[in-house]
Each structure stands twice: as C-alpha cells, then as structure tokens.
C-alpha cells in the first residue's frame, strides 16, 4: 500500500491541543484559534496563540517514514541559513514525536514556523 492510498490522520483537535501542551510545553501554546490546512496525505494545522504567534503543526500520514521527515527537517534547517531564509519554514521542535490518531495509528508530529 502506498502513502497516497492511505487515509490521512484523523485527529480530534481538543485531544491534540492537550497533547501538544504536554509534549511541547517549551513552545508555550496558548491557543486562540486554529485552522486545518489542505493536504492530501497529512494533517496540517495552523495555530494562532494568545501572543499572536503562528505555528504549523504537521501530523504525518501513518505510512510516512521517520527518515524522510528527518531529512526534510535537516534540509529546512540548512536552507534557513541561506539568503532565501525568509521563505523557508523553520522546525521549532527538538524531536519528532509520535501521536496516535483516532484509529490508533502512529503518526509523526513536527512543528514549524509559519510563513505568510
């Protein structure tokens, strides 16, 4: 089965908020609002905090490989040091963590800066 044939993560936003606060408390999430973003295989959420900070929470498709996501993070970190850094989202998490969706499938979570 391909990643493109697998249903994206099914997420309860309220449970996710609690999980984010428990697992990424260094980012001090105090949610005001959130919006699900379009994705054909992942679950992406734009979060706005009390401090007007904006984050993107990316929850991977259950079939996504950790090595691919780690490679993506490393590439973003590398590109963020270049002249085009204003157009590159920066990984804000220290570690890619696992989150179980509503179907109890393990999905990887990454938190990125938001670029308008």
C-alpha atoms as a PDB file:
ATOM      1  CA  UNK A   1       0.000   0.000   0.000  1.00  0.00           C
ATOM      2  CA  UNK A   2       1.255   3.464  -0.900  1.00  0.00           C
ATOM      3  CA  UNK A   3       1.260   6.575   1.270  1.00  0.00           C
ATOM      4  CA  UNK A   4      -1.024   8.128  -1.345  1.00  0.00           C
ATOM      5  CA  UNK A   5      -3.547   5.309  -0.887  1.00  0.00           C
ATOM      6  CA  UNK A   6      -3.646   5.623   2.895  1.00  0.00           C
ATOM      7  CA  UNK A   7      -6.200   7.772   4.643  1.00  0.00           C
ATOM      8  CA  UNK A   8      -4.690  10.874   6.286  1.00  0.00           C
ATOM      9  CA  UNK A   9      -4.598  11.025  10.078  1.00  0.00           C
ATOM     10  CA  UNK A  10      -7.950  11.507  11.767  1.00  0.00           C
ATOM     11  CA  UNK A  11      -7.486  13.989  14.574  1.00  0.00           C
ATOM     12  CA  UNK A  12      -9.577  15.224  17.478  1.00  0.00           C
ATOM     13  CA  UNK A  13      -8.313  18.808  17.797  1.00  0.00           C
ATOM     14  CA  UNK A  14      -9.086  19.095  21.518  1.00  0.00           C
ATOM     15  CA  UNK A  15      -7.095  15.962  22.337  1.00  0.00           C
ATOM     16  CA  UNK A  16      -4.322  17.194  20.071  1.00  0.00           C
ATOM     17  CA  UNK A  17      -4.193  20.563  21.906  1.00  0.00           C
ATOM     18  CA  UNK A  18      -3.742  18.801  25.220  1.00  0.00           C
ATOM     19  CA  UNK A  19      -1.085  16.519  23.749  1.00  0.00           C
ATOM     20  CA  UNK A  20       0.786  19.486  22.266  1.00  0.00           C
ATOM     21  CA  UNK A  21       0.762  21.296  25.608  1.00  0.00           C
ATOM     22  CA  UNK A  22       2.018  18.173  27.368  1.00  0.00           C
ATOM     23  CA  UNK A  23       4.708  17.362  24.803  1.00  0.00           C
ATOM     24  CA  UNK A  24       5.833  20.772  23.572  1.00  0.00           C
ATOM     25  CA  UNK A  25       5.345  22.939  26.652  1.00  0.00           C
ATOM     26  CA  UNK A  26       8.561  24.826  25.795  1.00  0.00           C
ATOM     27  CA  UNK A  27       6.647  26.423  22.906  1.00  0.00           C
ATOM     28  CA  UNK A  28       4.060  27.734  25.368  1.00  0.00           C
ATOM     29  CA  UNK A  29       0.957  27.006  23.316  1.00  0.00           C
ATOM     30  CA  UNK A  30      -1.987  29.088  24.457  1.00  0.00           C
ATOM     31  CA  UNK A  31      -4.406  28.592  21.627  1.00  0.00           C
ATOM     32  CA  UNK A  32      -6.807  31.226  20.406  1.00  0.00           C
ATOM     33  CA  UNK A  33      -7.669  29.686  17.099  1.00  0.00           C
ATOM     34  CA  UNK A  34      -6.670  27.021  14.632  1.00  0.00           C
ATOM     35  CA  UNK A  35      -7.395  26.171  11.035  1.00  0.00           C
ATOM     36  CA  UNK A  36      -6.931  22.884   9.269  1.00  0.00           C
ATOM     37  CA  UNK A  37      -4.920  23.325   6.086  1.00  0.00           C
ATOM     38  CA  UNK A  38      -5.413  21.318   2.911  1.00  0.00           C
ATOM     39  CA  UNK A  39      -3.336  18.206   2.477  1.00  0.00           C
ATOM     40  CA  UNK A  40      -3.930  15.051   0.512  1.00  0.00           C
ATOM     41  CA  UNK A  41      -1.994  12.733   2.834  1.00  0.00           C
ATOM     42  CA  UNK A  42      -1.153  14.524   6.121  1.00  0.00           C
ATOM     43  CA  UNK A  43      -2.990  16.588   8.716  1.00  0.00           C
ATOM     44  CA  UNK A  44      -1.752  20.184   8.864  1.00  0.00           C
ATOM     45  CA  UNK A  45      -2.980  22.708  11.364  1.00  0.00           C
ATOM     46  CA  UNK A  46      -2.295  26.437  11.532  1.00  0.00           C
ATOM     47  CA  UNK A  47      -2.355  27.538  15.161  1.00  0.00           C
ATOM     48  CA  UNK A  48      -2.637  31.095  16.417  1.00  0.00           C
ATOM     49  CA  UNK A  49      -1.681  31.746  20.041  1.00  0.00           C
ATOM     50  CA  UNK A  50      -2.579  34.416  22.591  1.00  0.00           C
ATOM     51  CA  UNK A  51       0.749  36.106  21.802  1.00  0.00           C
ATOM     52  CA  UNK A  52      -0.215  36.287  18.108  1.00  0.00           C
ATOM     53  CA  UNK A  53       2.402  33.691  17.250  1.00  0.00           C
ATOM     54  CA  UNK A  54       1.535  31.354  14.414  1.00  0.00           C
ATOM     55  CA  UNK A  55       2.721  27.764  14.133  1.00  0.00           C
ATOM     56  CA  UNK A  56       2.118  24.956  11.719  1.00  0.00           C
ATOM     57  CA  UNK A  57       1.607  21.530  13.236  1.00  0.00           C
ATOM     58  CA  UNK A  58       2.273  18.791  10.705  1.00  0.00           C
ATOM     59  CA  UNK A  59       0.979  15.327  11.543  1.00  0.00           C
ATOM     60  CA  UNK A  60       2.286  12.819   9.067  1.00  0.00           C
ATOM     61  CA  UNK A  61       0.424  10.131   7.234  1.00  0.00           C
ATOM     62  CA  UNK A  62       0.684   6.853   9.212  1.00  0.00           C
ATOM     63  CA  UNK A  63       2.813   5.306   6.431  1.00  0.00           C
ATOM     64  CA  UNK A  64       5.338   8.159   6.356  1.00  0.00           C
ATOM     65  CA  UNK A  65       8.880   7.113   7.252  1.00  0.00           C
ATOM     66  CA  UNK A  66      10.735   8.830  10.092  1.00  0.00           C
ATOM     67  CA  UNK A  67      13.909   9.008   7.970  1.00  0.00           C
ATOM     68  CA  UNK A  68      12.112  11.045   5.277  1.00  0.00           C
ATOM     69  CA  UNK A  69      10.721  13.517   7.810  1.00  0.00           C
ATOM     70  CA  UNK A  70      14.096  13.841   9.494  1.00  0.00           C
ATOM     71  CA  UNK A  71      15.681  14.524   6.109  1.00  0.00           C
ATOM     72  CA  UNK A  72      13.065  17.211   5.427  1.00  0.00           C
ATOM     73  CA  UNK A  73      13.791  18.849   8.795  1.00  0.00           C
ATOM     74  CA  UNK A  74      17.528  18.798   8.183  1.00  0.00           C
ATOM     75  CA  UNK A  75      17.056  20.327   4.740  1.00  0.00           C
ATOM     76  CA  UNK A  76      14.832  23.096   6.158  1.00  0.00           C
ATOM     77  CA  UNK A  77      17.415  23.848   8.858  1.00  0.00           C
ATOM     78  CA  UNK A  78      20.157  24.005   6.238  1.00  0.00           C
ATOM     79  CA  UNK A  79      18.142  26.242   3.897  1.00  0.00           C
ATOM     80  CA  UNK A  80      17.176  28.551   6.766  1.00  0.00           C
ATOM     81  CA  UNK A  81      20.830  29.635   6.923  1.00  0.00           C
ATOM     82  CA  UNK A  82      20.808  30.754   3.292  1.00  0.00           C
ATOM     83  CA  UNK A  83      19.886  34.018   1.604  1.00  0.00           C
ATOM     84  CA  UNK A  84      16.373  32.714   0.953  1.00  0.00           C
ATOM     85  CA  UNK A  85      15.707  32.064   4.648  1.00  0.00           C
ATOM     86  CA  UNK A  86      12.669  34.364   4.720  1.00  0.00           C
ATOM     87  CA  UNK A  87      10.867  31.832   2.539  1.00  0.00           C
ATOM     88  CA  UNK A  88      11.813  28.715   4.490  1.00  0.00           C
ATOM     89  CA  UNK A  89       9.807  27.431   7.469  1.00  0.00           C
ATOM     90  CA  UNK A  90      11.976  26.549  10.445  1.00  0.00           C
ATOM     91  CA  UNK A  91      11.431  23.383  12.501  1.00  0.00           C
ATOM     92  CA  UNK A  92      10.630  24.517  16.048  1.00  0.00           C
ATOM     93  CA  UNK A  93      10.539  21.094  17.648  1.00  0.00           C
ATOM     94  CA  UNK A  94      13.621  19.500  19.185  1.00  0.00           C
ATOM     95  CA  UNK A  95      12.473  15.998  18.379  1.00  0.00           C
ATOM     96  CA  UNK A  96       9.936  14.437  16.038  1.00  0.00           C
ATOM     97  CA  UNK A  97       7.383  12.735  18.285  1.00  0.00           C
ATOM     98  CA  UNK A  98       4.685  10.131  17.704  1.00  0.00           C
ATOM     99  CA  UNK A  99       0.986  10.804  18.096  1.00  0.00           C
ATOM    100  CA  UNK A 100      -1.826   8.257  17.792  1.00  0.00           C
ATOM    101  CA  UNK A 101      -4.756   9.375  15.671  1.00  0.00           C
ATOM    102  CA  UNK A 102      -8.408   8.382  16.288  1.00  0.00           C
ATOM    103  CA  UNK A 103      -7.758   4.998  14.652  1.00  0.00           C
ATOM    104  CA  UNK A 104      -4.763   4.480  16.980  1.00  0.00           C
ATOM    105  CA  UNK A 105      -2.318   4.754  14.061  1.00  0.00           C
ATOM    106  CA  UNK A 106       1.110   6.130  14.902  1.00  0.00           C
ATOM    107  CA  UNK A 107       1.797   9.425  13.140  1.00  0.00           C
ATOM    108  CA  UNK A 108       4.817  11.713  13.456  1.00  0.00           C
ATOM    109  CA  UNK A 109       4.408  15.306  14.624  1.00  0.00           C
ATOM    110  CA  UNK A 110       6.530  18.284  13.610  1.00  0.00           C
ATOM    111  CA  UNK A 111       6.054  21.947  14.441  1.00  0.00           C
ATOM    112  CA  UNK A 112       7.197  24.597  12.001  1.00  0.00           C
ATOM    113  CA  UNK A 113       7.289  28.370  11.859  1.00  0.00           C
ATOM    114  CA  UNK A 114       4.609  29.939   9.713  1.00  0.00           C
ATOM    115  CA  UNK A 115       5.412  31.796   6.505  1.00  0.00           C
ATOM    116  CA  UNK A 116       2.640  34.031   5.169  1.00  0.00           C
END
